[in-house]
N, C-alpha and C. Protein backbone atom coordinates (compact mmCIF):
# COMPACT_ATOMS: atom_id res chain seq x y z
N MET A 1 -11.99 -5.12 3.21
CA MET A 1 -10.35 -5.19 3.27
C MET A 1 -9.77 -5.45 1.93
N LYS A 2 -8.86 -4.69 1.66
CA LYS A 2 -8.24 -4.95 0.44
C LYS A 2 -6.96 -5.61 0.57
N LEU A 3 -6.61 -6.63 -0.11
CA LEU A 3 -5.34 -7.43 0.05
C LEU A 3 -4.63 -7.30 -1.26
N ILE A 4 -3.28 -7.19 -1.00
CA ILE A 4 -2.25 -7.09 -2.03
C ILE A 4 -1.28 -8.19 -2.20
N ASN A 5 -1.20 -8.86 -3.35
CA ASN A 5 -0.25 -10.09 -3.53
C ASN A 5 1.08 -9.46 -3.53
N ILE A 6 1.84 -10.16 -2.67
CA ILE A 6 3.23 -9.70 -2.46
C ILE A 6 4.19 -10.85 -3.03
N GLY A 7 3.58 -11.75 -3.80
CA GLY A 7 4.34 -12.84 -4.44
C GLY A 7 4.06 -14.14 -3.74
N PHE A 8 4.16 -15.18 -4.81
CA PHE A 8 3.92 -16.54 -4.34
C PHE A 8 2.66 -16.75 -3.75
N GLY A 9 1.71 -15.95 -3.90
CA GLY A 9 0.31 -16.15 -3.42
C GLY A 9 0.08 -15.53 -1.88
N ASN A 10 1.08 -14.84 -1.46
CA ASN A 10 1.10 -14.27 -0.11
C ASN A 10 0.41 -12.93 -0.22
N MET A 11 -0.26 -12.60 0.62
CA MET A 11 -1.12 -11.22 0.64
C MET A 11 -1.00 -10.62 1.81
N VAL A 12 -1.06 -9.23 1.81
CA VAL A 12 -1.07 -8.30 2.99
C VAL A 12 -2.11 -7.30 2.80
N SER A 13 -2.53 -6.77 3.87
CA SER A 13 -3.70 -5.99 4.02
C SER A 13 -3.14 -4.63 3.66
N ALA A 14 -3.89 -3.97 2.57
CA ALA A 14 -3.35 -2.76 2.01
C ALA A 14 -3.68 -1.50 3.04
N ASN A 15 -4.68 -1.69 3.86
CA ASN A 15 -5.02 -0.75 4.96
C ASN A 15 -3.91 -0.64 5.95
N ARG A 16 -3.41 -1.59 6.15
CA ARG A 16 -2.20 -1.64 7.39
C ARG A 16 -0.83 -1.38 6.93
N LEU A 17 -0.72 -1.22 5.57
CA LEU A 17 0.59 -0.87 4.91
C LEU A 17 1.12 0.53 5.31
N VAL A 18 2.34 0.64 5.71
CA VAL A 18 2.97 1.96 5.93
C VAL A 18 3.90 2.44 4.83
N ALA A 19 4.80 1.31 4.49
CA ALA A 19 5.90 1.69 3.44
C ALA A 19 6.36 0.44 2.80
N ILE A 20 6.62 0.69 1.53
CA ILE A 20 7.20 -0.46 0.59
C ILE A 20 8.64 0.21 0.16
N VAL A 21 9.80 -0.39 0.70
CA VAL A 21 11.16 0.11 0.38
C VAL A 21 12.01 -0.96 -0.20
N SER A 22 13.07 -0.42 -0.84
CA SER A 22 14.14 -1.38 -1.17
C SER A 22 15.00 -1.77 0.01
N PRO A 23 15.61 -2.96 0.02
CA PRO A 23 16.44 -3.36 1.12
C PRO A 23 17.86 -3.07 1.11
N GLU A 24 18.27 -2.37 0.22
CA GLU A 24 19.77 -2.05 -0.04
C GLU A 24 20.49 -1.29 1.03
N SER A 25 19.70 -0.12 1.58
CA SER A 25 20.17 0.81 2.39
C SER A 25 20.62 0.38 3.84
N ALA A 26 21.51 0.88 4.54
CA ALA A 26 21.80 0.44 5.91
C ALA A 26 20.71 0.59 6.86
N PRO A 27 20.05 1.68 6.80
CA PRO A 27 18.96 1.91 7.69
C PRO A 27 17.87 0.76 7.65
N ILE A 28 17.59 0.44 6.36
CA ILE A 28 16.52 -0.65 6.12
C ILE A 28 17.16 -2.01 6.69
N LYS A 29 18.49 -2.36 6.43
CA LYS A 29 18.94 -3.59 6.99
C LYS A 29 18.88 -3.56 8.48
N ARG A 30 19.02 -2.46 9.05
CA ARG A 30 18.76 -2.33 10.59
C ARG A 30 17.51 -2.61 10.99
N ILE A 31 16.50 -1.92 10.11
CA ILE A 31 15.08 -2.31 10.53
C ILE A 31 14.93 -3.69 10.44
N ILE A 32 15.28 -4.43 9.35
CA ILE A 32 15.22 -5.84 9.27
C ILE A 32 15.83 -6.63 10.54
N GLN A 33 16.92 -6.39 10.75
CA GLN A 33 17.56 -6.99 12.01
C GLN A 33 16.92 -6.76 13.13
N ASP A 34 16.37 -5.45 13.40
CA ASP A 34 15.67 -5.27 14.70
C ASP A 34 14.40 -6.07 14.64
N ALA A 35 13.79 -6.16 13.47
CA ALA A 35 12.54 -7.00 13.48
C ALA A 35 12.72 -8.32 13.78
N LYS A 36 13.91 -8.83 13.17
CA LYS A 36 14.13 -10.19 13.39
C LYS A 36 14.39 -10.65 14.85
N GLU A 37 15.14 -9.78 15.54
CA GLU A 37 15.27 -9.62 17.12
C GLU A 37 14.13 -9.67 17.92
N ARG A 38 13.07 -8.92 17.48
CA ARG A 38 11.85 -8.82 18.21
C ARG A 38 10.85 -9.85 17.83
N GLY A 39 11.12 -10.56 16.78
CA GLY A 39 10.12 -11.67 16.46
C GLY A 39 9.12 -11.00 15.52
N THR A 40 9.26 -9.98 14.95
CA THR A 40 8.16 -9.42 14.11
C THR A 40 8.48 -9.33 12.57
N LEU A 41 9.47 -10.23 12.25
CA LEU A 41 10.05 -10.15 10.82
C LEU A 41 9.16 -11.49 10.15
N ILE A 42 8.58 -11.18 8.92
CA ILE A 42 7.97 -12.20 8.06
C ILE A 42 8.67 -12.30 6.95
N ASP A 43 9.11 -13.55 6.53
CA ASP A 43 9.96 -13.87 5.29
C ASP A 43 9.07 -14.47 4.47
N ALA A 44 8.58 -13.67 3.39
CA ALA A 44 7.77 -14.24 2.31
C ALA A 44 8.54 -14.35 1.05
N THR A 45 9.79 -14.58 1.05
CA THR A 45 10.49 -14.64 -0.01
C THR A 45 10.60 -16.13 -0.66
N TYR A 46 10.51 -17.02 0.20
CA TYR A 46 10.60 -18.60 -0.34
C TYR A 46 11.96 -18.74 -0.67
N GLY A 47 12.93 -18.22 -0.03
CA GLY A 47 14.28 -18.46 -0.29
C GLY A 47 14.98 -17.75 -1.37
N ARG A 48 14.13 -16.91 -1.98
CA ARG A 48 14.57 -15.92 -2.98
C ARG A 48 15.12 -14.63 -2.61
N ARG A 49 15.89 -13.79 -3.30
CA ARG A 49 16.48 -12.74 -2.98
C ARG A 49 15.47 -11.61 -2.62
N THR A 50 15.62 -10.96 -1.49
CA THR A 50 14.78 -10.04 -1.01
C THR A 50 14.79 -8.54 -1.70
N ARG A 51 13.72 -8.24 -2.50
CA ARG A 51 13.78 -7.15 -3.27
C ARG A 51 12.80 -6.02 -2.88
N ALA A 52 11.89 -6.33 -1.96
CA ALA A 52 11.15 -5.31 -1.26
C ALA A 52 10.92 -5.57 0.27
N VAL A 53 10.93 -4.58 1.07
CA VAL A 53 10.67 -4.72 2.43
C VAL A 53 9.45 -4.00 2.69
N ILE A 54 8.35 -4.60 3.30
CA ILE A 54 6.99 -3.95 3.57
C ILE A 54 6.98 -3.80 4.95
N ILE A 55 6.74 -2.53 5.32
CA ILE A 55 6.58 -2.16 6.65
C ILE A 55 5.15 -1.93 7.14
N MET A 56 4.59 -2.66 8.08
CA MET A 56 3.20 -2.63 8.35
C MET A 56 2.80 -1.67 9.77
N ASP A 57 1.64 -1.19 9.84
CA ASP A 57 1.59 -0.35 11.03
C ASP A 57 1.50 -1.08 12.42
N SER A 58 1.58 -2.39 12.34
CA SER A 58 1.81 -3.22 13.65
C SER A 58 3.28 -3.50 13.94
N GLU A 59 4.17 -2.74 13.21
CA GLU A 59 5.52 -2.91 13.44
C GLU A 59 6.16 -4.18 12.76
N HIS A 60 5.27 -4.98 12.16
CA HIS A 60 5.79 -6.15 11.43
C HIS A 60 6.53 -5.81 10.19
N VAL A 61 7.53 -6.49 9.77
CA VAL A 61 8.47 -6.07 8.64
C VAL A 61 8.36 -7.46 7.67
N ILE A 62 7.86 -7.15 6.61
CA ILE A 62 7.64 -8.41 5.50
C ILE A 62 8.60 -8.31 4.48
N LEU A 63 9.37 -9.30 4.37
CA LEU A 63 10.32 -9.54 3.19
C LEU A 63 9.64 -10.12 2.03
N SER A 64 9.64 -9.48 0.76
CA SER A 64 9.09 -10.02 -0.38
C SER A 64 10.16 -10.14 -1.53
N ALA A 65 10.00 -11.18 -2.57
CA ALA A 65 10.82 -11.32 -3.72
C ALA A 65 10.29 -10.49 -4.74
N VAL A 66 9.37 -9.67 -4.58
CA VAL A 66 8.76 -8.87 -5.74
C VAL A 66 9.26 -7.50 -5.51
N GLN A 67 9.59 -6.78 -6.73
CA GLN A 67 10.07 -5.44 -6.75
C GLN A 67 9.16 -4.55 -6.04
N PRO A 68 9.65 -3.47 -5.29
CA PRO A 68 8.86 -2.60 -4.57
C PRO A 68 7.93 -1.84 -5.72
N GLU A 69 8.31 -1.67 -6.77
CA GLU A 69 7.28 -0.91 -7.78
C GLU A 69 6.17 -1.80 -8.21
N THR A 70 6.45 -3.06 -8.29
CA THR A 70 5.45 -4.08 -8.57
C THR A 70 4.39 -4.20 -7.59
N VAL A 71 4.82 -4.24 -6.30
CA VAL A 71 3.74 -4.06 -5.16
C VAL A 71 3.06 -2.82 -5.30
N ALA A 72 3.80 -1.80 -5.32
CA ALA A 72 3.11 -0.38 -5.54
C ALA A 72 1.99 -0.37 -6.78
N ASN A 73 2.45 -0.84 -7.79
CA ASN A 73 1.46 -0.85 -8.86
C ASN A 73 0.31 -1.72 -8.50
N ARG A 74 0.58 -2.96 -7.90
CA ARG A 74 -0.67 -3.68 -7.47
C ARG A 74 -1.53 -3.03 -6.47
N LEU A 75 -1.02 -2.12 -5.50
CA LEU A 75 -1.83 -1.52 -4.64
C LEU A 75 -2.56 -0.44 -5.43
N ASN A 76 -1.99 0.42 -6.30
CA ASN A 76 -2.63 1.31 -7.18
C ASN A 76 -3.77 0.61 -8.13
N ASP A 77 -3.49 -0.51 -8.62
CA ASP A 77 -4.51 -1.17 -9.46
C ASP A 77 -5.63 -1.42 -8.53
N LYS A 78 -5.48 -2.01 -7.27
CA LYS A 78 -6.61 -2.29 -6.38
C LYS A 78 -7.34 -1.06 -6.23
N ASP A 79 -6.82 0.14 -5.99
CA ASP A 79 -7.35 1.39 -5.69
C ASP A 79 -8.33 1.77 -6.91
N ASP A 80 -7.71 1.70 -8.27
CA ASP A 80 -8.56 1.99 -9.40
C ASP A 80 -9.61 1.05 -9.40
N ASP A 81 -9.64 -0.23 -9.07
CA ASP A 81 -10.65 -1.19 -9.25
C ASP A 81 -11.83 -0.76 -8.23
N LEU A 82 -11.40 -0.35 -7.03
CA LEU A 82 -12.33 0.06 -6.00
C LEU A 82 -13.12 1.39 -6.44
N GLU A 83 -12.29 2.41 -7.10
CA GLU A 83 -13.10 3.57 -7.49
C GLU A 83 -13.96 3.17 -8.72
N ASP A 84 -13.62 2.16 -9.59
CA ASP A 84 -14.53 1.86 -10.70
C ASP A 84 -15.81 1.27 -10.07
N GLU A 85 -15.63 0.47 -9.07
CA GLU A 85 -16.80 -0.23 -8.52
C GLU A 85 -17.58 0.75 -7.61
N GLU A 86 -17.20 1.74 -7.12
CA GLU A 86 -17.81 2.98 -6.35
C GLU A 86 -18.73 3.54 -7.57
N LEU A 87 -17.98 3.99 -8.45
CA LEU A 87 -18.72 4.66 -9.66
C LEU A 87 -19.81 3.84 -10.15
N ASP A 88 -19.73 2.56 -10.36
CA ASP A 88 -20.77 1.76 -10.93
C ASP A 88 -21.92 1.79 -9.83
N GLU A 89 -21.73 1.72 -8.62
CA GLU A 89 -22.70 1.57 -7.54
C GLU A 89 -23.53 3.01 -7.69
N ASP A 90 -22.73 4.08 -7.81
CA ASP A 90 -23.49 5.41 -7.89
C ASP A 90 -24.34 5.40 -9.01
N ASP A 91 -24.11 4.74 -10.17
CA ASP A 91 -24.94 4.78 -11.21
C ASP A 91 -26.21 4.05 -11.15
N GLU A 92 -26.28 3.14 -10.13
CA GLU A 92 -27.29 2.40 -9.87
C GLU A 92 -28.53 2.97 -9.20
C-alpha cells in the first residue's frame, strides 16, 4: 500500500485516490458541502487555508493545506520509487 503525505504528517492511500482538485470552483464547493452534510468530510488543514481537495473512491472528501501540484508530485515520486525498486528486484 502506497501512502502519500498530504501535509502535517497526514497520509492517504494512493490506491484509493480518485482526484486532487483546487477548491475554488463552485462545483467543488458543493462537493465539500455535500460531504460535510453526509459526514464524509475529513479536514486535514489544521486550521489553515484549504488549497487542495482530495476525493477518494470511498466518497470521502479530504481537505489539505498543500497545493494540488505538490500532492500530485508526491504521488508521482512514489510511483518513480516503486518502479526503481521493481527494476532493482528484476536485476537480482
